[in-house]
Amino acid sequence: MLYAVLCYNDENAVATWTQEEDDACMARLGKVQDAMRAKGRLGPVARLLPTSAATTLRKTSGEPLVIDGPFAETKEQFLGFYLADCDTLDEALDFARDLAKANPGVGSYEIRPVGLFNPSEITR
């Protein structure tokens, strides 16, 4: 089963990291990613640019409305995602736990099964 592991954190807190702190976090996350990659179980990984770079197309009863910024204002923002091929939800949770250990501070990881519309080479 493919799982999306969606990464949420306070982007204002992450933005205060020095380059050295950011590099250290990315190195720790890289080790977790390398373990999944070595098993042939890691799909695309994306780090999103800040919500200040976002544009939202909001559906309305008439023409869609295009606005600057993210969909919703919240304490935590969607900062990136992993696509992981895990046999069980418990395995996906273990992967998310390892990511959480590697990433300092608060935040959350949402684990959601993925139904593919356009399968890629990482499907079984």
PDB file of N, CA and C in Angstrom:
ATOM      1  N   MET A   1       0.853  -1.172   0.000  1.00  0.00           N
ATOM      2  CA  MET A   1       0.000   0.000   0.000  1.00  0.00           C
ATOM      3  C   MET A   1       0.897   1.232   0.000  1.00  0.00           C
ATOM      4  N   LEU A   2       0.551   2.182  -0.811  1.00  0.00           N
ATOM      5  CA  LEU A   2       1.255   3.464  -0.796  1.00  0.00           C
ATOM      6  C   LEU A   2       0.623   4.375   0.245  1.00  0.00           C
ATOM      7  N   TYR A   3       1.480   5.053   0.996  1.00  0.00           N
ATOM      8  CA  TYR A   3       1.033   6.009   2.000  1.00  0.00           C
ATOM      9  C   TYR A   3       1.680   7.350   1.712  1.00  0.00           C
ATOM     10  N   ALA A   4       0.886   8.403   1.788  1.00  0.00           N
ATOM     11  CA  ALA A   4       1.424   9.755   1.777  1.00  0.00           C
ATOM     12  C   ALA A   4       1.683  10.127   3.230  1.00  0.00           C
ATOM     13  N   VAL A   5       2.880  10.596   3.509  1.00  0.00           N
ATOM     14  CA  VAL A   5       3.222  11.096   4.836  1.00  0.00           C
ATOM     15  C   VAL A   5       3.350  12.604   4.685  1.00  0.00           C
ATOM     16  N   LEU A   6       2.329  13.322   5.142  1.00  0.00           N
ATOM     17  CA  LEU A   6       2.241  14.765   4.951  1.00  0.00           C
ATOM     18  C   LEU A   6       2.858  15.466   6.168  1.00  0.00           C
ATOM     19  N   CYS A   7       3.751  16.399   5.912  1.00  0.00           N
ATOM     20  CA  CYS A   7       4.523  17.056   6.970  1.00  0.00           C
ATOM     21  C   CYS A   7       3.955  18.438   7.267  1.00  0.00           C
ATOM     22  N   TYR A   8       3.599  18.653   8.531  1.00  0.00           N
ATOM     23  CA  TYR A   8       3.064  19.940   8.968  1.00  0.00           C
ATOM     24  C   TYR A   8       3.931  20.497  10.083  1.00  0.00           C
ATOM     25  N   ASN A   9       4.155  21.793  10.057  1.00  0.00           N
ATOM     26  CA  ASN A   9       4.888  22.471  11.114  1.00  0.00           C
ATOM     27  C   ASN A   9       4.572  23.956  11.012  1.00  0.00           C
ATOM     28  N   ASP A  10       4.999  24.698  11.991  1.00  0.00           N
ATOM     29  CA  ASP A  10       4.855  26.151  11.967  1.00  0.00           C
ATOM     30  C   ASP A  10       5.970  26.697  11.084  1.00  0.00           C
ATOM     31  N   GLU A  11       5.617  27.140   9.889  1.00  0.00           N
ATOM     32  CA  GLU A  11       6.660  27.574   8.963  1.00  0.00           C
ATOM     33  C   GLU A  11       7.410  28.795   9.467  1.00  0.00           C
ATOM     34  N   ASN A  12       6.789  29.588  10.321  1.00  0.00           N
ATOM     35  CA  ASN A  12       7.514  30.729  10.898  1.00  0.00           C
ATOM     36  C   ASN A  12       8.634  30.258  11.811  1.00  0.00           C
ATOM     37  N   ALA A  13       8.399  29.178  12.559  1.00  0.00           N
ATOM     38  CA  ALA A  13       9.445  28.615  13.414  1.00  0.00           C
ATOM     39  C   ALA A  13      10.567  28.027  12.565  1.00  0.00           C
ATOM     40  N   VAL A  14      10.205  27.286  11.524  1.00  0.00           N
ATOM     41  CA  VAL A  14      11.212  26.677  10.641  1.00  0.00           C
ATOM     42  C   VAL A  14      12.024  27.765   9.945  1.00  0.00           C
ATOM     43  N   ALA A  15      11.379  28.867   9.587  1.00  0.00           N
ATOM     44  CA  ALA A  15      12.063  29.962   8.892  1.00  0.00           C
ATOM     45  C   ALA A  15      13.106  30.650   9.769  1.00  0.00           C
ATOM     46  N   THR A  16      13.021  30.467  11.089  1.00  0.00           N
ATOM     47  CA  THR A  16      14.012  31.092  11.978  1.00  0.00           C
ATOM     48  C   THR A  16      15.276  30.253  12.122  1.00  0.00           C
ATOM     49  N   TRP A  17      15.273  29.025  11.592  1.00  0.00           N
ATOM     50  CA  TRP A  17      16.461  28.185  11.683  1.00  0.00           C
ATOM     51  C   TRP A  17      17.609  28.835  10.916  1.00  0.00           C
ATOM     52  N   THR A  18      18.789  28.711  11.459  1.00  0.00           N
ATOM     53  CA  THR A  18      19.970  29.142  10.717  1.00  0.00           C
ATOM     54  C   THR A  18      20.208  28.142   9.583  1.00  0.00           C
ATOM     55  N   GLN A  19      21.054  28.510   8.649  1.00  0.00           N
ATOM     56  CA  GLN A  19      21.378  27.578   7.564  1.00  0.00           C
ATOM     57  C   GLN A  19      21.974  26.288   8.119  1.00  0.00           C
ATOM     58  N   GLU A  20      22.780  26.411   9.168  1.00  0.00           N
ATOM     59  CA  GLU A  20      23.400  25.234   9.789  1.00  0.00           C
ATOM     60  C   GLU A  20      22.338  24.328  10.428  1.00  0.00           C
ATOM     61  N   GLU A  21      21.348  24.941  11.112  1.00  0.00           N
ATOM     62  CA  GLU A  21      20.268  24.151  11.720  1.00  0.00           C
ATOM     63  C   GLU A  21      19.427  23.456  10.654  1.00  0.00           C
ATOM     64  N   ASP A  22      19.131  24.165   9.565  1.00  0.00           N
ATOM     65  CA  ASP A  22      18.361  23.581   8.478  1.00  0.00           C
ATOM     66  C   ASP A  22      19.141  22.439   7.833  1.00  0.00           C
ATOM     67  N   ASP A  23      20.426  22.672   7.567  1.00  0.00           N
ATOM     68  CA  ASP A  23      21.258  21.626   6.959  1.00  0.00           C
ATOM     69  C   ASP A  23      21.338  20.393   7.849  1.00  0.00           C
ATOM     70  N   ALA A  24      21.459  20.598   9.173  1.00  0.00           N
ATOM     71  CA  ALA A  24      21.540  19.474  10.106  1.00  0.00           C
ATOM     72  C   ALA A  24      20.235  18.680  10.112  1.00  0.00           C
ATOM     73  N   CYS A  25      19.097  19.385  10.100  1.00  0.00           N
ATOM     74  CA  CYS A  25      17.805  18.708  10.057  1.00  0.00           C
ATOM     75  C   CYS A  25      17.667  17.919   8.758  1.00  0.00           C
ATOM     76  N   MET A  26      18.022  18.525   7.637  1.00  0.00           N
ATOM     77  CA  MET A  26      17.919  17.837   6.348  1.00  0.00           C
ATOM     78  C   MET A  26      18.834  16.611   6.308  1.00  0.00           C
ATOM     79  N   ALA A  27      20.001  16.694   6.936  1.00  0.00           N
ATOM     80  CA  ALA A  27      20.911  15.544   6.990  1.00  0.00           C
ATOM     81  C   ALA A  27      20.291  14.403   7.808  1.00  0.00           C
ATOM     82  N   ARG A  28      19.677  14.737   8.952  1.00  0.00           N
ATOM     83  CA  ARG A  28      19.021  13.707   9.766  1.00  0.00           C
ATOM     84  C   ARG A  28      17.854  13.083   9.008  1.00  0.00           C
ATOM     85  N   LEU A  29      17.055  13.912   8.352  1.00  0.00           N
ATOM     86  CA  LEU A  29      15.947  13.383   7.562  1.00  0.00           C
ATOM     87  C   LEU A  29      16.468  12.538   6.405  1.00  0.00           C
ATOM     88  N   GLY A  30      17.599  12.949   5.835  1.00  0.00           N
ATOM     89  CA  GLY A  30      18.206  12.180   4.745  1.00  0.00           C
ATOM     90  C   GLY A  30      18.559  10.767   5.158  1.00  0.00           C
ATOM     91  N   LYS A  31      19.007  10.585   6.392  1.00  0.00           N
ATOM     92  CA  LYS A  31      19.327   9.236   6.881  1.00  0.00           C
ATOM     93  C   LYS A  31      18.070   8.377   6.969  1.00  0.00           C
ATOM     94  N   VAL A  32      16.974   8.969   7.420  1.00  0.00           N
ATOM     95  CA  VAL A  32      15.709   8.229   7.477  1.00  0.00           C
ATOM     96  C   VAL A  32      15.258   7.874   6.058  1.00  0.00           C
ATOM     97  N   GLN A  33      15.365   8.835   5.148  1.00  0.00           N
ATOM     98  CA  GLN A  33      14.986   8.586   3.756  1.00  0.00           C
ATOM     99  C   GLN A  33      15.860   7.506   3.135  1.00  0.00           C
ATOM    100  N   ASP A  34      17.164   7.539   3.415  1.00  0.00           N
ATOM    101  CA  ASP A  34      18.085   6.549   2.849  1.00  0.00           C
ATOM    102  C   ASP A  34      17.701   5.135   3.261  1.00  0.00           C
ATOM    103  N   ALA A  35      17.239   4.965   4.510  1.00  0.00           N
ATOM    104  CA  ALA A  35      16.836   3.634   4.975  1.00  0.00           C
ATOM    105  C   ALA A  35      15.640   3.125   4.172  1.00  0.00           C
ATOM    106  N   MET A  36      14.653   3.983   3.913  1.00  0.00           N
ATOM    107  CA  MET A  36      13.498   3.571   3.103  1.00  0.00           C
ATOM    108  C   MET A  36      13.893   3.367   1.644  1.00  0.00           C
ATOM    109  N   ARG A  37      14.777   4.232   1.145  1.00  0.00           N
ATOM    110  CA  ARG A  37      15.225   4.126  -0.241  1.00  0.00           C
ATOM    111  C   ARG A  37      15.978   2.809  -0.455  1.00  0.00           C
ATOM    112  N   ALA A  38      16.783   2.408   0.532  1.00  0.00           N
ATOM    113  CA  ALA A  38      17.557   1.168   0.429  1.00  0.00           C
ATOM    114  C   ALA A  38      16.640  -0.050   0.320  1.00  0.00           C
ATOM    115  N   LYS A  39      15.445   0.041   0.893  1.00  0.00           N
ATOM    116  CA  LYS A  39      14.464  -1.043   0.799  1.00  0.00           C
ATOM    117  C   LYS A  39      13.670  -0.960  -0.503  1.00  0.00           C
ATOM    118  N   GLY A  40      13.896   0.099  -1.299  1.00  0.00           N
ATOM    119  CA  GLY A  40      13.119   0.296  -2.520  1.00  0.00           C
ATOM    120  C   GLY A  40      11.695   0.725  -2.227  1.00  0.00           C
ATOM    121  N   ARG A  41      11.478   1.400  -1.080  1.00  0.00           N
ATOM    122  CA  ARG A  41      10.140   1.740  -0.620  1.00  0.00           C
ATOM    123  C   ARG A  41       9.851   3.230  -0.581  1.00  0.00           C
ATOM    124  N   LEU A  42      10.767   4.059  -1.066  1.00  0.00           N
ATOM    125  CA  LEU A  42      10.556   5.502  -0.988  1.00  0.00           C
ATOM    126  C   LEU A  42      10.276   6.064  -2.369  1.00  0.00           C
ATOM    127  N   GLY A  43       9.158   6.745  -2.473  1.00  0.00           N
ATOM    128  CA  GLY A  43       8.792   7.414  -3.710  1.00  0.00           C
ATOM    129  C   GLY A  43       9.207   8.867  -3.654  1.00  0.00           C
ATOM    130  N   PRO A  44       8.470   9.740  -4.325  1.00  0.00           N
ATOM    131  CA  PRO A  44       8.813  11.157  -4.344  1.00  0.00           C
ATOM    132  C   PRO A  44       8.794  11.785  -2.953  1.00  0.00           C
ATOM    133  N   VAL A  45       9.705  12.700  -2.743  1.00  0.00           N
ATOM    134  CA  VAL A  45       9.792  13.502  -1.524  1.00  0.00           C
ATOM    135  C   VAL A  45       9.821  14.955  -1.987  1.00  0.00           C
ATOM    136  N   ALA A  46       9.005  15.798  -1.361  1.00  0.00           N
ATOM    137  CA  ALA A  46       8.969  17.203  -1.768  1.00  0.00           C
ATOM    138  C   ALA A  46       8.975  18.105  -0.549  1.00  0.00           C
ATOM    139  N   ARG A  47       9.791  19.145  -0.607  1.00  0.00           N
ATOM    140  CA  ARG A  47       9.768  20.205   0.391  1.00  0.00           C
ATOM    141  C   ARG A  47       9.140  21.413  -0.295  1.00  0.00           C
ATOM    142  N   LEU A  48       8.035  21.876   0.254  1.00  0.00           N
ATOM    143  CA  LEU A  48       7.309  22.968  -0.374  1.00  0.00           C
ATOM    144  C   LEU A  48       7.904  24.318   0.015  1.00  0.00           C
ATOM    145  N   LEU A  49       7.784  25.271  -0.883  1.00  0.00           N
ATOM    146  CA  LEU A  49       8.182  26.639  -0.582  1.00  0.00           C
ATOM    147  C   LEU A  49       7.165  27.231   0.394  1.00  0.00           C
ATOM    148  N   PRO A  50       7.482  28.351   1.029  1.00  0.00           N
ATOM    149  CA  PRO A  50       6.580  28.917   2.043  1.00  0.00           C
ATOM    150  C   PRO A  50       5.189  29.230   1.495  1.00  0.00           C
ATOM    151  N   THR A  51       4.221  29.286   2.403  1.00  0.00           N
ATOM    152  CA  THR A  51       2.849  29.582   1.993  1.00  0.00           C
ATOM    153  C   THR A  51       2.731  30.968   1.364  1.00  0.00           C
ATOM    154  N   SER A  52       3.688  31.847   1.640  1.00  0.00           N
ATOM    155  CA  SER A  52       3.664  33.166   1.000  1.00  0.00           C
ATOM    156  C   SER A  52       3.839  33.058  -0.516  1.00  0.00           C
ATOM    157  N   ALA A  53       4.337  31.914  -0.993  1.00  0.00           N
ATOM    158  CA  ALA A  53       4.491  31.681  -2.429  1.00  0.00           C
ATOM    159  C   ALA A  53       3.282  30.953  -3.017  1.00  0.00           C
ATOM    160  N   ALA A  54       2.310  30.620  -2.176  1.00  0.00           N
ATOM    161  CA  ALA A  54       1.151  29.831  -2.619  1.00  0.00           C
ATOM    162  C   ALA A  54       0.120  30.695  -3.334  1.00  0.00           C
ATOM    163  N   THR A  55      -0.615  30.054  -4.213  1.00  0.00           N
ATOM    164  CA  THR A  55      -1.794  30.620  -4.852  1.00  0.00           C
ATOM    165  C   THR A  55      -2.894  29.586  -4.702  1.00  0.00           C
ATOM    166  N   THR A  56      -4.090  30.026  -4.379  1.00  0.00           N
ATOM    167  CA  THR A  56      -5.212  29.106  -4.191  1.00  0.00           C
ATOM    168  C   THR A  56      -6.298  29.427  -5.203  1.00  0.00           C
ATOM    169  N   LEU A  57      -6.827  28.396  -5.828  1.00  0.00           N
ATOM    170  CA  LEU A  57      -8.011  28.520  -6.667  1.00  0.00           C
ATOM    171  C   LEU A  57      -9.172  27.997  -5.829  1.00  0.00           C
ATOM    172  N   ARG A  58     -10.031  28.883  -5.403  1.00  0.00           N
ATOM    173  CA  ARG A  58     -11.146  28.518  -4.526  1.00  0.00           C
ATOM    174  C   ARG A  58     -12.403  28.374  -5.373  1.00  0.00           C
ATOM    175  N   LYS A  59     -13.018  27.198  -5.273  1.00  0.00           N
ATOM    176  CA  LYS A  59     -14.254  26.954  -6.010  1.00  0.00           C
ATOM    177  C   LYS A  59     -15.390  27.738  -5.371  1.00  0.00           C
ATOM    178  N   THR A  60     -16.226  28.324  -6.217  1.00  0.00           N
ATOM    179  CA  THR A  60     -17.408  29.052  -5.762  1.00  0.00           C
ATOM    180  C   THR A  60     -18.586  28.589  -6.599  1.00  0.00           C
ATOM    181  N   SER A  61     -19.755  29.159  -6.358  1.00  0.00           N
ATOM    182  CA  SER A  61     -20.918  28.791  -7.166  1.00  0.00           C
ATOM    183  C   SER A  61     -20.798  29.335  -8.587  1.00  0.00           C
ATOM    184  N   GLY A  62     -19.959  30.362  -8.761  1.00  0.00           N
ATOM    185  CA  GLY A  62     -19.730  30.914 -10.093  1.00  0.00           C
ATOM    186  C   GLY A  62     -18.345  30.527 -10.581  1.00  0.00           C
ATOM    187  N   GLU A  63     -17.652  31.485 -11.137  1.00  0.00           N
ATOM    188  CA  GLU A  63     -16.292  31.249 -11.592  1.00  0.00           C
ATOM    189  C   GLU A  63     -15.366  31.046 -10.392  1.00  0.00           C
ATOM    190  N   PRO A  64     -14.382  30.163 -10.500  1.00  0.00           N
ATOM    191  CA  PRO A  64     -13.432  29.995  -9.406  1.00  0.00           C
ATOM    192  C   PRO A  64     -12.702  31.304  -9.112  1.00  0.00           C
ATOM    193  N   LEU A  65     -12.375  31.498  -7.852  1.00  0.00           N
ATOM    194  CA  LEU A  65     -11.691  32.687  -7.385  1.00  0.00           C
ATOM    195  C   LEU A  65     -10.230  32.340  -7.131  1.00  0.00           C
ATOM    196  N   VAL A  66      -9.312  33.092  -7.720  1.00  0.00           N
ATOM    197  CA  VAL A  66      -7.885  32.878  -7.515  1.00  0.00           C
ATOM    198  C   VAL A  66      -7.395  33.915  -6.517  1.00  0.00           C
ATOM    199  N   ILE A  67      -6.773  33.412  -5.430  1.00  0.00           N
ATOM    200  CA  ILE A  67      -6.270  34.307  -4.391  1.00  0.00           C
ATOM    201  C   ILE A  67      -4.822  33.959  -4.055  1.00  0.00           C
ATOM    202  N   ASP A  68      -4.092  34.937  -3.565  1.00  0.00           N
ATOM    203  CA  ASP A  68      -2.727  34.692  -3.101  1.00  0.00           C
ATOM    204  C   ASP A  68      -2.795  34.008  -1.749  1.00  0.00           C
ATOM    205  N   GLY A  69      -1.858  33.132  -1.511  1.00  0.00           N
ATOM    206  CA  GLY A  69      -1.740  32.518  -0.203  1.00  0.00           C
ATOM    207  C   GLY A  69      -2.318  31.124  -0.135  1.00  0.00           C
ATOM    208  N   PRO A  70      -2.147  30.505   1.042  1.00  0.00           N
ATOM    209  CA  PRO A  70      -2.598  29.126   1.226  1.00  0.00           C
ATOM    210  C   PRO A  70      -4.106  29.044   1.377  1.00  0.00           C
ATOM    211  N   PHE A  71      -4.619  27.840   1.366  1.00  0.00           N
ATOM    212  CA  PHE A  71      -6.055  27.598   1.465  1.00  0.00           C
ATOM    213  C   PHE A  71      -6.619  28.087   2.790  1.00  0.00           C
ATOM    214  N   ALA A  72      -5.926  27.799   3.891  1.00  0.00           N
ATOM    215  CA  ALA A  72      -6.448  28.166   5.209  1.00  0.00           C
ATOM    216  C   ALA A  72      -5.321  28.690   6.084  1.00  0.00           C
ATOM    217  N   GLU A  73      -5.651  29.593   6.967  1.00  0.00           N
ATOM    218  CA  GLU A  73      -4.678  30.086   7.936  1.00  0.00           C
ATOM    219  C   GLU A  73      -4.761  29.201   9.168  1.00  0.00           C
ATOM    220  N   THR A  74      -3.655  28.565   9.507  1.00  0.00           N
ATOM    221  CA  THR A  74      -3.605  27.661  10.651  1.00  0.00           C
ATOM    222  C   THR A  74      -2.287  27.852  11.378  1.00  0.00           C
ATOM    223  N   LYS A  75      -2.163  27.239  12.547  1.00  0.00           N
ATOM    224  CA  LYS A  75      -0.900  27.296  13.287  1.00  0.00           C
ATOM    225  C   LYS A  75       0.185  26.490  12.581  1.00  0.00           C
ATOM    226  N   GLU A  76      -0.196  25.381  11.967  1.00  0.00           N
ATOM    227  CA  GLU A  76       0.748  24.541  11.246  1.00  0.00           C
ATOM    228  C   GLU A  76       0.449  24.624   9.760  1.00  0.00           C
ATOM    229  N   GLN A  77       1.501  24.627   8.958  1.00  0.00           N
ATOM    230  CA  GLN A  77       1.346  24.669   7.510  1.00  0.00           C
ATOM    231  C   GLN A  77       1.853  23.359   6.916  1.00  0.00           C
ATOM    232  N   PHE A  78       1.322  23.032   5.753  1.00  0.00           N
ATOM    233  CA  PHE A  78       1.743  21.858   5.002  1.00  0.00           C
ATOM    234  C   PHE A  78       3.079  22.196   4.358  1.00  0.00           C
ATOM    235  N   LEU A  79       4.150  21.559   4.810  1.00  0.00           N
ATOM    236  CA  LEU A  79       5.500  21.922   4.363  1.00  0.00           C
ATOM    237  C   LEU A  79       6.100  20.943   3.359  1.00  0.00           C
ATOM    238  N   GLY A  80       5.555  19.751   3.254  1.00  0.00           N
ATOM    239  CA  GLY A  80       6.119  18.794   2.314  1.00  0.00           C
ATOM    240  C   GLY A  80       5.484  17.434   2.498  1.00  0.00           C
ATOM    241  N   PHE A  81       5.960  16.458   1.694  1.00  0.00           N
ATOM    242  CA  PHE A  81       5.396  15.121   1.803  1.00  0.00           C
ATOM    243  C   PHE A  81       6.385  14.068   1.341  1.00  0.00           C
ATOM    244  N   TYR A  82       6.118  12.855   1.790  1.00  0.00           N
ATOM    245  CA  TYR A  82       6.820  11.662   1.344  1.00  0.00           C
ATOM    246  C   TYR A  82       5.781  10.726   0.761  1.00  0.00           C
ATOM    247  N   LEU A  83       6.170   9.923  -0.194  1.00  0.00           N
ATOM    248  CA  LEU A  83       5.335   8.843  -0.682  1.00  0.00           C
ATOM    249  C   LEU A  83       6.094   7.561  -0.380  1.00  0.00           C
ATOM    250  N   ALA A  84       5.529   6.732   0.484  1.00  0.00           N
ATOM    251  CA  ALA A  84       6.230   5.534   0.945  1.00  0.00           C
ATOM    252  C   ALA A  84       5.385   4.292   0.678  1.00  0.00           C
ATOM    253  N   ASP A  85       6.027   3.247   0.230  1.00  0.00           N
ATOM    254  CA  ASP A  85       5.384   1.968  -0.034  1.00  0.00           C
ATOM    255  C   ASP A  85       5.562   1.100   1.209  1.00  0.00           C
ATOM    256  N   CYS A  86       4.511   0.959   2.004  1.00  0.00           N
ATOM    257  CA  CYS A  86       4.570   0.216   3.267  1.00  0.00           C
ATOM    258  C   CYS A  86       3.547  -0.906   3.231  1.00  0.00           C
ATOM    259  N   ASP A  87       3.901  -2.040   3.843  1.00  0.00           N
ATOM    260  CA  ASP A  87       2.979  -3.172   3.868  1.00  0.00           C
ATOM    261  C   ASP A  87       1.786  -2.934   4.776  1.00  0.00           C
ATOM    262  N   THR A  88       1.996  -2.148   5.838  1.00  0.00           N
ATOM    263  CA  THR A  88       0.927  -1.916   6.813  1.00  0.00           C
ATOM    264  C   THR A  88       0.950  -0.473   7.282  1.00  0.00           C
ATOM    265  N   LEU A  89      -0.138  -0.072   7.899  1.00  0.00           N
ATOM    266  CA  LEU A  89      -0.191   1.247   8.512  1.00  0.00           C
ATOM    267  C   LEU A  89       0.870   1.353   9.610  1.00  0.00           C
ATOM    268  N   ASP A  90       1.082   0.280  10.361  1.00  0.00           N
ATOM    269  CA  ASP A  90       2.105   0.300  11.416  1.00  0.00           C
ATOM    270  C   ASP A  90       3.491   0.601  10.848  1.00  0.00           C
ATOM    271  N   GLU A  91       3.808   0.051   9.682  1.00  0.00           N
ATOM    272  CA  GLU A  91       5.099   0.334   9.050  1.00  0.00           C
ATOM    273  C   GLU A  91       5.185   1.804   8.634  1.00  0.00           C
ATOM    274  N   ALA A  92       4.089   2.355   8.116  1.00  0.00           N
ATOM    275  CA  ALA A  92       4.062   3.772   7.745  1.00  0.00           C
ATOM    276  C   ALA A  92       4.212   4.648   8.987  1.00  0.00           C
ATOM    277  N   LEU A  93       3.580   4.239  10.093  1.00  0.00           N
ATOM    278  CA  LEU A  93       3.715   4.984  11.341  1.00  0.00           C
ATOM    279  C   LEU A  93       5.147   4.934  11.866  1.00  0.00           C
ATOM    280  N   ASP A  94       5.803   3.790  11.729  1.00  0.00           N
ATOM    281  CA  ASP A  94       7.209   3.694  12.146  1.00  0.00           C
ATOM    282  C   ASP A  94       8.084   4.654  11.343  1.00  0.00           C
ATOM    283  N   PHE A  95       7.825   4.740  10.037  1.00  0.00           N
ATOM    284  CA  PHE A  95       8.560   5.675   9.182  1.00  0.00           C
ATOM    285  C   PHE A  95       8.321   7.110   9.658  1.00  0.00           C
ATOM    286  N   ALA A  96       7.062   7.459   9.932  1.00  0.00           N
ATOM    287  CA  ALA A  96       6.738   8.808  10.407  1.00  0.00           C
ATOM    288  C   ALA A  96       7.382   9.079  11.768  1.00  0.00           C
ATOM    289  N   ARG A  97       7.421   8.071  12.633  1.00  0.00           N
ATOM    290  CA  ARG A  97       8.084   8.245  13.936  1.00  0.00           C
ATOM    291  C   ARG A  97       9.566   8.554  13.752  1.00  0.00           C
ATOM    292  N   ASP A  98      10.214   7.846  12.814  1.00  0.00           N
ATOM    293  CA  ASP A  98      11.634   8.108  12.544  1.00  0.00           C
ATOM    294  C   ASP A  98      11.835   9.518  12.005  1.00  0.00           C
ATOM    295  N   LEU A  99      10.936   9.964  11.134  1.00  0.00           N
ATOM    296  CA  LEU A  99      11.009  11.334  10.628  1.00  0.00           C
ATOM    297  C   LEU A  99      10.847  12.331  11.768  1.00  0.00           C
ATOM    298  N   ALA A 100       9.898  12.064  12.667  1.00  0.00           N
ATOM    299  CA  ALA A 100       9.648  12.967  13.792  1.00  0.00           C
ATOM    300  C   ALA A 100      10.869  13.074  14.704  1.00  0.00           C
ATOM    301  N   LYS A 101      11.565  11.961  14.921  1.00  0.00           N
ATOM    302  CA  LYS A 101      12.777  11.985  15.746  1.00  0.00           C
ATOM    303  C   LYS A 101      13.866  12.829  15.090  1.00  0.00           C
ATOM    304  N   ALA A 102      13.929  12.793  13.768  1.00  0.00           N
ATOM    305  CA  ALA A 102      14.978  13.509  13.033  1.00  0.00           C
ATOM    306  C   ALA A 102      14.694  14.997  12.892  1.00  0.00           C
ATOM    307  N   ASN A 103      13.444  15.394  13.108  1.00  0.00           N
ATOM    308  CA  ASN A 103      13.022  16.775  12.877  1.00  0.00           C
ATOM    309  C   ASN A 103      12.722  17.431  14.220  1.00  0.00           C
ATOM    310  N   PRO A 104      13.480  18.460  14.599  1.00  0.00           N
ATOM    311  CA  PRO A 104      13.291  19.059  15.922  1.00  0.00           C
ATOM    312  C   PRO A 104      11.993  19.861  16.016  1.00  0.00           C
ATOM    313  N   GLY A 105      11.594  20.139  17.235  1.00  0.00           N
ATOM    314  CA  GLY A 105      10.446  21.015  17.458  1.00  0.00           C
ATOM    315  C   GLY A 105       9.136  20.273  17.416  1.00  0.00           C
ATOM    316  N   VAL A 106       8.078  21.035  17.183  1.00  0.00           N
ATOM    317  CA  VAL A 106       6.728  20.484  17.163  1.00  0.00           C
ATOM    318  C   VAL A 106       6.295  20.262  15.719  1.00  0.00           C
ATOM    319  N   GLY A 107       5.057  19.914  15.531  1.00  0.00           N
ATOM    320  CA  GLY A 107       4.526  19.673  14.198  1.00  0.00           C
ATOM    321  C   GLY A 107       3.795  18.353  14.183  1.00  0.00           C
ATOM    322  N   SER A 108       3.439  17.903  13.008  1.00  0.00           N
ATOM    323  CA  SER A 108       2.724  16.631  12.898  1.00  0.00           C
ATOM    324  C   SER A 108       2.970  16.008  11.534  1.00  0.00           C
ATOM    325  N   TYR A 109       2.722  14.722  11.491  1.00  0.00           N
ATOM    326  CA  TYR A 109       2.796  13.955  10.254  1.00  0.00           C
ATOM    327  C   TYR A 109       1.455  13.266  10.069  1.00  0.00           C
ATOM    328  N   GLU A 110       0.799  13.564   8.978  1.00  0.00           N
ATOM    329  CA  GLU A 110      -0.467  12.912   8.655  1.00  0.00           C
ATOM    330  C   GLU A 110      -0.162  11.767   7.707  1.00  0.00           C
ATOM    331  N   ILE A 111      -0.619  10.575   8.056  1.00  0.00           N
ATOM    332  CA  ILE A 111      -0.382   9.401   7.223  1.00  0.00           C
ATOM    333  C   ILE A 111      -1.703   9.038   6.561  1.00  0.00           C
ATOM    334  N   ARG A 112      -1.680   9.010   5.236  1.00  0.00           N
ATOM    335  CA  ARG A 112      -2.922   8.764   4.517  1.00  0.00           C
ATOM    336  C   ARG A 112      -2.669   7.787   3.369  1.00  0.00           C
ATOM    337  N   PRO A 113      -3.476   6.711   3.267  1.00  0.00           N
ATOM    338  CA  PRO A 113      -3.332   5.799   2.124  1.00  0.00           C
ATOM    339  C   PRO A 113      -3.585   6.548   0.817  1.00  0.00           C
ATOM    340  N   VAL A 114      -2.896   6.114  -0.218  1.00  0.00           N
ATOM    341  CA  VAL A 114      -2.978   6.779  -1.518  1.00  0.00           C
ATOM    342  C   VAL A 114      -3.633   5.846  -2.523  1.00  0.00           C
ATOM    343  N   GLY A 115      -4.603   6.358  -3.242  1.00  0.00           N
ATOM    344  CA  GLY A 115      -5.165   5.669  -4.396  1.00  0.00           C
ATOM    345  C   GLY A 115      -4.640   6.379  -5.635  1.00  0.00           C
ATOM    346  N   LEU A 116      -3.886   5.669  -6.455  1.00  0.00           N
ATOM    347  CA  LEU A 116      -3.247   6.303  -7.610  1.00  0.00           C
ATOM    348  C   LEU A 116      -4.190   6.373  -8.805  1.00  0.00           C
ATOM    349  N   PHE A 117      -4.168   7.520  -9.453  1.00  0.00           N
ATOM    350  CA  PHE A 117      -4.887   7.679 -10.705  1.00  0.00           C
ATOM    351  C   PHE A 117      -3.959   7.441 -11.883  1.00  0.00           C
ATOM    352  N   ASN A 118      -2.697   7.770 -11.711  1.00  0.00           N
ATOM    353  CA  ASN A 118      -1.679   7.572 -12.746  1.00  0.00           C
ATOM    354  C   ASN A 118      -0.511   6.807 -12.125  1.00  0.00           C
ATOM    355  N   PRO A 119      -0.610   5.482 -12.065  1.00  0.00           N
ATOM    356  CA  PRO A 119       0.442   4.703 -11.398  1.00  0.00           C
ATOM    357  C   PRO A 119       1.827   4.980 -11.998  1.00  0.00           C
ATOM    358  N   SER A 120       2.825   4.938 -11.107  1.00  0.00           N
ATOM    359  CA  SER A 120       4.197   5.128 -11.552  1.00  0.00           C
ATOM    360  C   SER A 120       4.967   3.853 -11.314  1.00  0.00           C
ATOM    361  N   GLU A 121       6.263   3.928 -11.476  1.00  0.00           N
ATOM    362  CA  GLU A 121       7.089   2.737 -11.354  1.00  0.00           C
ATOM    363  C   GLU A 121       7.242   2.234  -9.925  1.00  0.00           C
ATOM    364  N   ILE A 122       6.814   2.977  -8.910  1.00  0.00           N
ATOM    365  CA  ILE A 122       6.985   2.465  -7.553  1.00  0.00           C
ATOM    366  C   ILE A 122       5.811   1.622  -7.098  1.00  0.00           C
ATOM    367  N   THR A 123       4.778   1.454  -7.925  1.00  0.00           N
ATOM    368  CA  THR A 123       3.658   0.594  -7.537  1.00  0.00           C
ATOM    369  C   THR A 123       4.057  -0.852  -7.730  1.00  0.00           C
ATOM    370  N   ARG A 124       3.421  -1.713  -6.965  1.00  0.00           N
ATOM    371  CA  ARG A 124       3.712  -3.156  -7.091  1.00  0.00           C
ATOM    372  C   ARG A 124       2.851  -3.789  -8.136  1.00  0.00           C
TER     373      ARG A 124
END
